[in-house]
C-alpha atoms as a PDB file:
ATOM      1  CA  UNK A   1     178.292 159.022  64.376  1.00  0.00           C
ATOM      2  CA  UNK A   2     181.436 156.933  65.732  1.00  0.00           C
ATOM      3  CA  UNK A   3     179.319 154.081  68.459  1.00  0.00           C
ATOM      4  CA  UNK A   4     181.888 152.299  71.335  1.00  0.00           C
ATOM      5  CA  UNK A   5     180.933 149.556  74.387  1.00  0.00           C
ATOM      6  CA  UNK A   6     182.913 149.618  76.750  1.00  0.00           C
ATOM      7  CA  UNK A   7     183.096 147.071  80.480  1.00  0.00           C
ATOM      8  CA  UNK A   8     184.549 144.473  82.562  1.00  0.00           C
ATOM      9  CA  UNK A   9     185.881 141.060  80.796  1.00  0.00           C
ATOM     10  CA  UNK A  10     182.864 138.482  80.461  1.00  0.00           C
ATOM     11  CA  UNK A  11     180.474 141.629  80.669  1.00  0.00           C
ATOM     12  CA  UNK A  12     178.486 140.787  77.453  1.00  0.00           C
ATOM     13  CA  UNK A  13     180.834 143.535  75.178  1.00  0.00           C
ATOM     14  CA  UNK A  14     180.938 141.337  72.320  1.00  0.00           C
ATOM     15  CA  UNK A  15     177.575 139.824  71.748  1.00  0.00           C
ATOM     16  CA  UNK A  16     175.403 143.424  72.512  1.00  0.00           C
ATOM     17  CA  UNK A  17     178.202 144.930  69.967  1.00  0.00           C
ATOM     18  CA  UNK A  18     176.281 142.721  67.403  1.00  0.00           C
ATOM     19  CA  UNK A  19     173.461 142.699  67.817  1.00  0.00           C
ATOM     20  CA  UNK A  20     173.393 146.645  67.746  1.00  0.00           C
ATOM     21  CA  UNK A  21     174.095 146.694  64.669  1.00  0.00           C
ATOM     22  CA  UNK A  22     172.357 143.526  63.890  1.00  0.00           C
ATOM     23  CA  UNK A  23     169.932 146.086  65.079  1.00  0.00           C
ATOM     24  CA  UNK A  24     171.199 149.455  63.158  1.00  0.00           C
ATOM     25  CA  UNK A  25     171.294 147.622  60.140  1.00  0.00           C
ATOM     26  CA  UNK A  26     167.439 146.395  59.989  1.00  0.00           C
ATOM     27  CA  UNK A  27     167.176 150.418  60.653  1.00  0.00           C
ATOM     28  CA  UNK A  28     168.934 150.784  57.292  1.00  0.00           C
ATOM     29  CA  UNK A  29     172.171 151.723  59.223  1.00  0.00           C
ATOM     30  CA  UNK A  30     174.965 151.363  57.388  1.00  0.00           C
ATOM     31  CA  UNK A  31     177.229 149.752  60.251  1.00  0.00           C
ATOM     32  CA  UNK A  32     180.909 149.031  61.125  1.00  0.00           C
ATOM     33  CA  UNK A  33     181.669 146.566  63.747  1.00  0.00           C
ATOM     34  CA  UNK A  34     184.873 146.428  65.386  1.00  0.00           C
ATOM     35  CA  UNK A  35     187.261 146.240  67.974  1.00  0.00           C
ATOM     36  CA  UNK A  36     190.098 146.681  70.548  1.00  0.00           C
ATOM     37  CA  UNK A  37     192.471 145.548  70.512  1.00  0.00           C
ATOM     38  CA  UNK A  38     192.604 144.745  66.930  1.00  0.00           C
ATOM     39  CA  UNK A  39     189.843 146.159  64.244  1.00  0.00           C
ATOM     40  CA  UNK A  40     193.034 146.240  61.816  1.00  0.00           C
ATOM     41  CA  UNK A  41     195.810 143.784  60.060  1.00  0.00           C
ATOM     42  CA  UNK A  42     198.208 145.359  62.567  1.00  0.00           C
ATOM     43  CA  UNK A  43     196.410 146.435  64.682  1.00  0.00           C
ATOM     44  CA  UNK A  44     195.241 142.696  64.932  1.00  0.00           C
ATOM     45  CA  UNK A  45     198.732 141.402  65.235  1.00  0.00           C
ATOM     46  CA  UNK A  46     198.802 143.628  68.320  1.00  0.00           C
ATOM     47  CA  UNK A  47     196.377 142.738  69.339  1.00  0.00           C
ATOM     48  CA  UNK A  48     198.639 139.038  70.265  1.00  0.00           C
ATOM     49  CA  UNK A  49     200.820 140.705  72.350  1.00  0.00           C
ATOM     50  CA  UNK A  50     198.189 141.695  74.998  1.00  0.00           C
ATOM     51  CA  UNK A  51     195.313 139.132  75.743  1.00  0.00           C
ATOM     52  CA  UNK A  52     198.424 135.863  75.119  1.00  0.00           C
ATOM     53  CA  UNK A  53     200.932 135.145  77.715  1.00  0.00           C
ATOM     54  CA  UNK A  54     201.304 135.602  81.682  1.00  0.00           C
ATOM     55  CA  UNK A  55     200.349 138.031  83.271  1.00  0.00           C
ATOM     56  CA  UNK A  56     203.696 139.628  84.109  1.00  0.00           C
ATOM     57  CA  UNK A  57     204.678 139.607  80.423  1.00  0.00           C
ATOM     58  CA  UNK A  58     204.421 143.540  80.004  1.00  0.00           C
ATOM     59  CA  UNK A  59     203.860 146.572  82.412  1.00  0.00           C
ATOM     60  CA  UNK A  60     201.363 148.919  82.506  1.00  0.00           C
ATOM     61  CA  UNK A  61     203.543 151.386  80.609  1.00  0.00           C
ATOM     62  CA  UNK A  62     204.266 149.362  78.576  1.00  0.00           C
ATOM     63  CA  UNK A  63     200.869 148.009  77.298  1.00  0.00           C
ATOM     64  CA  UNK A  64     199.624 151.597  76.526  1.00  0.00           C
ATOM     65  CA  UNK A  65     202.574 151.966  74.394  1.00  0.00           C
ATOM     66  CA  UNK A  66     201.417 148.595  72.847  1.00  0.00           C
ATOM     67  CA  UNK A  67     197.365 149.371  72.835  1.00  0.00           C
ATOM     68  CA  UNK A  68     198.168 153.021  71.936  1.00  0.00           C
ATOM     69  CA  UNK A  69     199.898 151.677  68.550  1.00  0.00           C
ATOM     70  CA  UNK A  70     197.128 149.136  67.645  1.00  0.00           C
ATOM     71  CA  UNK A  71     194.441 152.246  68.246  1.00  0.00           C
ATOM     72  CA  UNK A  72     195.823 154.286  65.429  1.00  0.00           C
ATOM     73  CA  UNK A  73     196.111 151.280  62.950  1.00  0.00           C
ATOM     74  CA  UNK A  74     192.122 150.726  63.926  1.00  0.00           C
ATOM     75  CA  UNK A  75     191.708 154.587  63.318  1.00  0.00           C
ATOM     76  CA  UNK A  76     193.750 154.794  60.367  1.00  0.00           C
ATOM     77  CA  UNK A  77     192.587 152.021  58.678  1.00  0.00           C
ATOM     78  CA  UNK A  78     189.303 151.130  60.100  1.00  0.00           C
ATOM     79  CA  UNK A  79     188.270 154.139  62.222  1.00  0.00           C
ATOM     80  CA  UNK A  80     187.825 156.931  60.167  1.00  0.00           C
ATOM     81  CA  UNK A  81     187.521 156.015  56.696  1.00  0.00           C
ATOM     82  CA  UNK A  82     184.272 154.333  58.105  1.00  0.00           C
ATOM     83  CA  UNK A  83     183.198 157.548  59.819  1.00  0.00           C
ATOM     84  CA  UNK A  84     184.553 159.548  56.413  1.00  0.00           C
ATOM     85  CA  UNK A  85     182.321 157.486  54.327  1.00  0.00           C
ATOM     86  CA  UNK A  86     179.412 158.355  56.562  1.00  0.00           C
ATOM     87  CA  UNK A  87     178.525 154.967  58.544  1.00  0.00           C
ATOM     88  CA  UNK A  88     177.516 154.092  61.941  1.00  0.00           C
ATOM     89  CA  UNK A  89     181.134 152.904  63.573  1.00  0.00           C
ATOM     90  CA  UNK A  90     180.665 150.338  66.675  1.00  0.00           C
ATOM     91  CA  UNK A  91     183.309 148.832  68.589  1.00  0.00           C
ATOM     92  CA  UNK A  92     183.797 147.180  71.078  1.00  0.00           C
ATOM     93  CA  UNK A  93     186.057 148.742  73.432  1.00  0.00           C
ATOM     94  CA  UNK A  94     188.430 152.236  72.411  1.00  0.00           C
ATOM     95  CA  UNK A  95     190.599 154.218  74.651  1.00  0.00           C
ATOM     96  CA  UNK A  96     188.170 153.985  78.056  1.00  0.00           C
ATOM     97  CA  UNK A  97     189.589 150.502  78.729  1.00  0.00           C
ATOM     98  CA  UNK A  98     193.699 151.847  78.476  1.00  0.00           C
ATOM     99  CA  UNK A  99     192.980 155.091  80.857  1.00  0.00           C
ATOM    100  CA  UNK A 100     191.148 152.457  83.092  1.00  0.00           C
ATOM    101  CA  UNK A 101     192.743 148.757  82.616  1.00  0.00           C
ATOM    102  CA  UNK A 102     196.073 150.681  82.522  1.00  0.00           C
ATOM    103  CA  UNK A 103     195.999 153.778  83.822  1.00  0.00           C
ATOM    104  CA  UNK A 104     194.343 153.451  86.586  1.00  0.00           C
ATOM    105  CA  UNK A 105     194.149 149.644  88.365  1.00  0.00           C
ATOM    106  CA  UNK A 106     197.808 149.388  87.287  1.00  0.00           C
ATOM    107  CA  UNK A 107     199.127 152.803  88.156  1.00  0.00           C
ATOM    108  CA  UNK A 108     199.109 155.689  88.849  1.00  0.00           C
ATOM    109  CA  UNK A 109     199.113 155.577  85.041  1.00  0.00           C
ATOM    110  CA  UNK A 110     195.858 158.092  83.724  1.00  0.00           C
ATOM    111  CA  UNK A 111     198.056 161.255  83.028  1.00  0.00           C
ATOM    112  CA  UNK A 112     199.898 159.170  81.146  1.00  0.00           C
ATOM    113  CA  UNK A 113     197.357 157.224  79.217  1.00  0.00           C
ATOM    114  CA  UNK A 114     196.113 161.397  78.901  1.00  0.00           C
ATOM    115  CA  UNK A 115     199.012 163.054  77.105  1.00  0.00           C
ATOM    116  CA  UNK A 116     199.352 159.870  74.900  1.00  0.00           C
ATOM    117  CA  UNK A 117     196.274 159.529  74.132  1.00  0.00           C
ATOM    118  CA  UNK A 118     196.053 163.552  72.723  1.00  0.00           C
ATOM    119  CA  UNK A 119     199.159 163.688  70.894  1.00  0.00           C
ATOM    120  CA  UNK A 120     198.661 160.062  68.800  1.00  0.00           C
ATOM    121  CA  UNK A 121     194.725 159.576  68.399  1.00  0.00           C
ATOM    122  CA  UNK A 122     193.116 163.227  69.531  1.00  0.00           C
ATOM    123  CA  UNK A 123     189.004 161.453  69.170  1.00  0.00           C
ATOM    124  CA  UNK A 124     186.450 160.260  70.906  1.00  0.00           C
ATOM    125  CA  UNK A 125     183.035 158.173  70.098  1.00  0.00           C
ATOM    126  CA  UNK A 126     179.696 160.334  70.586  1.00  0.00           C
ATOM    127  CA  UNK A 127     178.411 157.897  72.512  1.00  0.00           C
ATOM    128  CA  UNK A 128     179.705 154.797  74.856  1.00  0.00           C
ATOM    129  CA  UNK A 129     178.275 152.557  76.544  1.00  0.00           C
ATOM    130  CA  UNK A 130     179.617 150.913  79.458  1.00  0.00           C
ATOM    131  CA  UNK A 131     177.920 147.293  81.069  1.00  0.00           C
ATOM    132  CA  UNK A 132     177.762 147.595  84.249  1.00  0.00           C
ATOM    133  CA  UNK A 133     178.306 143.167  85.758  1.00  0.00           C
ATOM    134  CA  UNK A 134     178.359 141.866  88.590  1.00  0.00           C
ATOM    135  CA  UNK A 135     182.789 141.926  89.472  1.00  0.00           C
ATOM    136  CA  UNK A 136     181.735 137.948  90.077  1.00  0.00           C
ATOM    137  CA  UNK A 137     179.415 136.848  87.177  1.00  0.00           C
ATOM    138  CA  UNK A 138     181.428 138.790  84.638  1.00  0.00           C
ATOM    139  CA  UNK A 139     184.944 137.043  85.817  1.00  0.00           C
ATOM    140  CA  UNK A 140     183.622 133.541  86.223  1.00  0.00           C
ATOM    141  CA  UNK A 141     181.389 133.630  81.962  1.00  0.00           C
ATOM    142  CA  UNK A 142     184.854 135.572  81.268  1.00  0.00           C
ATOM    143  CA  UNK A 143     186.844 132.931  81.888  1.00  0.00           C
ATOM    144  CA  UNK A 144     184.744 130.201  81.151  1.00  0.00           C
ATOM    145  CA  UNK A 145     185.584 130.735  77.650  1.00  0.00           C
ATOM    146  CA  UNK A 146     188.412 129.411  77.161  1.00  0.00           C
ATOM    147  CA  UNK A 147     189.769 131.602  74.570  1.00  0.00           C
ATOM    148  CA  UNK A 148     193.568 131.549  74.128  1.00  0.00           C
ATOM    149  CA  UNK A 149     193.016 135.621  75.621  1.00  0.00           C
ATOM    150  CA  UNK A 150     192.944 135.542  79.030  1.00  0.00           C
ATOM    151  CA  UNK A 151     195.349 137.845  80.355  1.00  0.00           C
ATOM    152  CA  UNK A 152     193.945 140.367  81.961  1.00  0.00           C
ATOM    153  CA  UNK A 153     190.816 137.987  83.102  1.00  0.00           C
ATOM    154  CA  UNK A 154     193.911 136.008  84.689  1.00  0.00           C
ATOM    155  CA  UNK A 155     194.019 139.439  86.704  1.00  0.00           C
ATOM    156  CA  UNK A 156     191.398 137.409  89.099  1.00  0.00           C
ATOM    157  CA  UNK A 157     188.546 139.941  90.890  1.00  0.00           C
ATOM    158  CA  UNK A 158     189.730 142.044  93.157  1.00  0.00           C
ATOM    159  CA  UNK A 159     191.617 143.758  89.420  1.00  0.00           C
ATOM    160  CA  UNK A 160     187.984 142.367  87.306  1.00  0.00           C
ATOM    161  CA  UNK A 161     186.588 144.815  91.364  1.00  0.00           C
ATOM    162  CA  UNK A 162     189.589 148.322  91.017  1.00  0.00           C
ATOM    163  CA  UNK A 163     187.595 148.216  86.888  1.00  0.00           C
ATOM    164  CA  UNK A 164     184.246 148.596  87.698  1.00  0.00           C
ATOM    165  CA  UNK A 165     184.713 151.178  89.760  1.00  0.00           C
ATOM    166  CA  UNK A 166     187.261 152.318  87.101  1.00  0.00           C
ATOM    167  CA  UNK A 167     184.553 152.428  84.570  1.00  0.00           C
ATOM    168  CA  UNK A 168     181.548 154.003  86.900  1.00  0.00           C
ATOM    169  CA  UNK A 169     184.152 156.587  87.487  1.00  0.00           C
ATOM    170  CA  UNK A 170     184.325 157.288  83.718  1.00  0.00           C
ATOM    171  CA  UNK A 171     180.970 157.621  83.515  1.00  0.00           C
ATOM    172  CA  UNK A 172     179.890 159.993  86.093  1.00  0.00           C
ATOM    173  CA  UNK A 173     183.183 162.620  85.086  1.00  0.00           C
ATOM    174  CA  UNK A 174     181.989 162.569  81.924  1.00  0.00           C
ATOM    175  CA  UNK A 175     177.821 162.184  81.864  1.00  0.00           C
ATOM    176  CA  UNK A 176     177.335 163.640  78.115  1.00  0.00           C
ATOM    177  CA  UNK A 177     179.349 161.082  76.364  1.00  0.00           C
ATOM    178  CA  UNK A 178     178.884 158.265  78.888  1.00  0.00           C
ATOM    179  CA  UNK A 179     175.550 155.885  79.248  1.00  0.00           C
ATOM    180  CA  UNK A 180     176.111 153.434  81.850  1.00  0.00           C
ATOM    181  CA  UNK A 181     173.969 150.051  80.952  1.00  0.00           C
ATOM    182  CA  UNK A 182     172.890 148.017  83.768  1.00  0.00           C
ATOM    183  CA  UNK A 183     174.175 144.261  82.253  1.00  0.00           C
ATOM    184  CA  UNK A 184     173.567 141.990  85.700  1.00  0.00           C
ATOM    185  CA  UNK A 185     169.753 141.495  83.195  1.00  0.00           C
ATOM    186  CA  UNK A 186     169.646 138.675  80.759  1.00  0.00           C
ATOM    187  CA  UNK A 187     170.983 139.573  77.416  1.00  0.00           C
ATOM    188  CA  UNK A 188     167.711 140.500  75.352  1.00  0.00           C
ATOM    189  CA  UNK A 189     167.083 143.155  78.192  1.00  0.00           C
ATOM    190  CA  UNK A 190     170.327 144.392  78.268  1.00  0.00           C
ATOM    191  CA  UNK A 191     170.371 145.264  74.357  1.00  0.00           C
ATOM    192  CA  UNK A 192     167.118 147.180  74.659  1.00  0.00           C
ATOM    193  CA  UNK A 193     168.974 149.343  77.035  1.00  0.00           C
ATOM    194  CA  UNK A 194     171.176 149.737  74.842  1.00  0.00           C
ATOM    195  CA  UNK A 195     169.400 149.968  71.202  1.00  0.00           C
ATOM    196  CA  UNK A 196     166.940 152.483  73.525  1.00  0.00           C
ATOM    197  CA  UNK A 197     170.419 154.475  74.474  1.00  0.00           C
ATOM    198  CA  UNK A 198     171.352 154.587  71.094  1.00  0.00           C
ATOM    199  CA  UNK A 199     168.863 155.694  69.355  1.00  0.00           C
ATOM    200  CA  UNK A 200     168.155 158.745  71.764  1.00  0.00           C
ATOM    201  CA  UNK A 201     171.301 159.758  70.913  1.00  0.00           C
ATOM    202  CA  UNK A 202     170.993 159.041  66.539  1.00  0.00           C
ATOM    203  CA  UNK A 203     167.770 161.226  66.446  1.00  0.00           C
END
């Protein structure tokens, strides 16, 4: 199974992806935990271009091309080989992030995102867990990390609110694949919700 975790910056995706991977491994399942942008050597190099620097470093169109290039490397070198070997792949972000970040909130570019995705990627997760959180709380968390990878957080609260609306819209449009997870509670409660949804999909 191929599982993605999505949501706005600071919503806890990376932490919850690790917790979910550990829980599934505890059940004896073979799990590959990965992330985007990144997840493969070439893709990690592209990641640095995307998450560091000034907010106006790239246009939305250029970002779409860079994210897709990183995603293709990730797919070829990490995701597809793991799935072919019968493993569960959990990724912190996949194509839905590009659909929302570049396709909806930085211009009306959804058709461009989907067209390039269909041509270059052509794969969707079996299950997408969208962590839904109050943007003010999530933004304060993201900026507090001071990771040096805060280019998107620096677009501000209005951007994060638009992202949340975009992800909620995705959940409504793709109910068979997407599960909206309330991420406003403490991490243990959120982790239990995620594990419950995942185990239901794995049965």
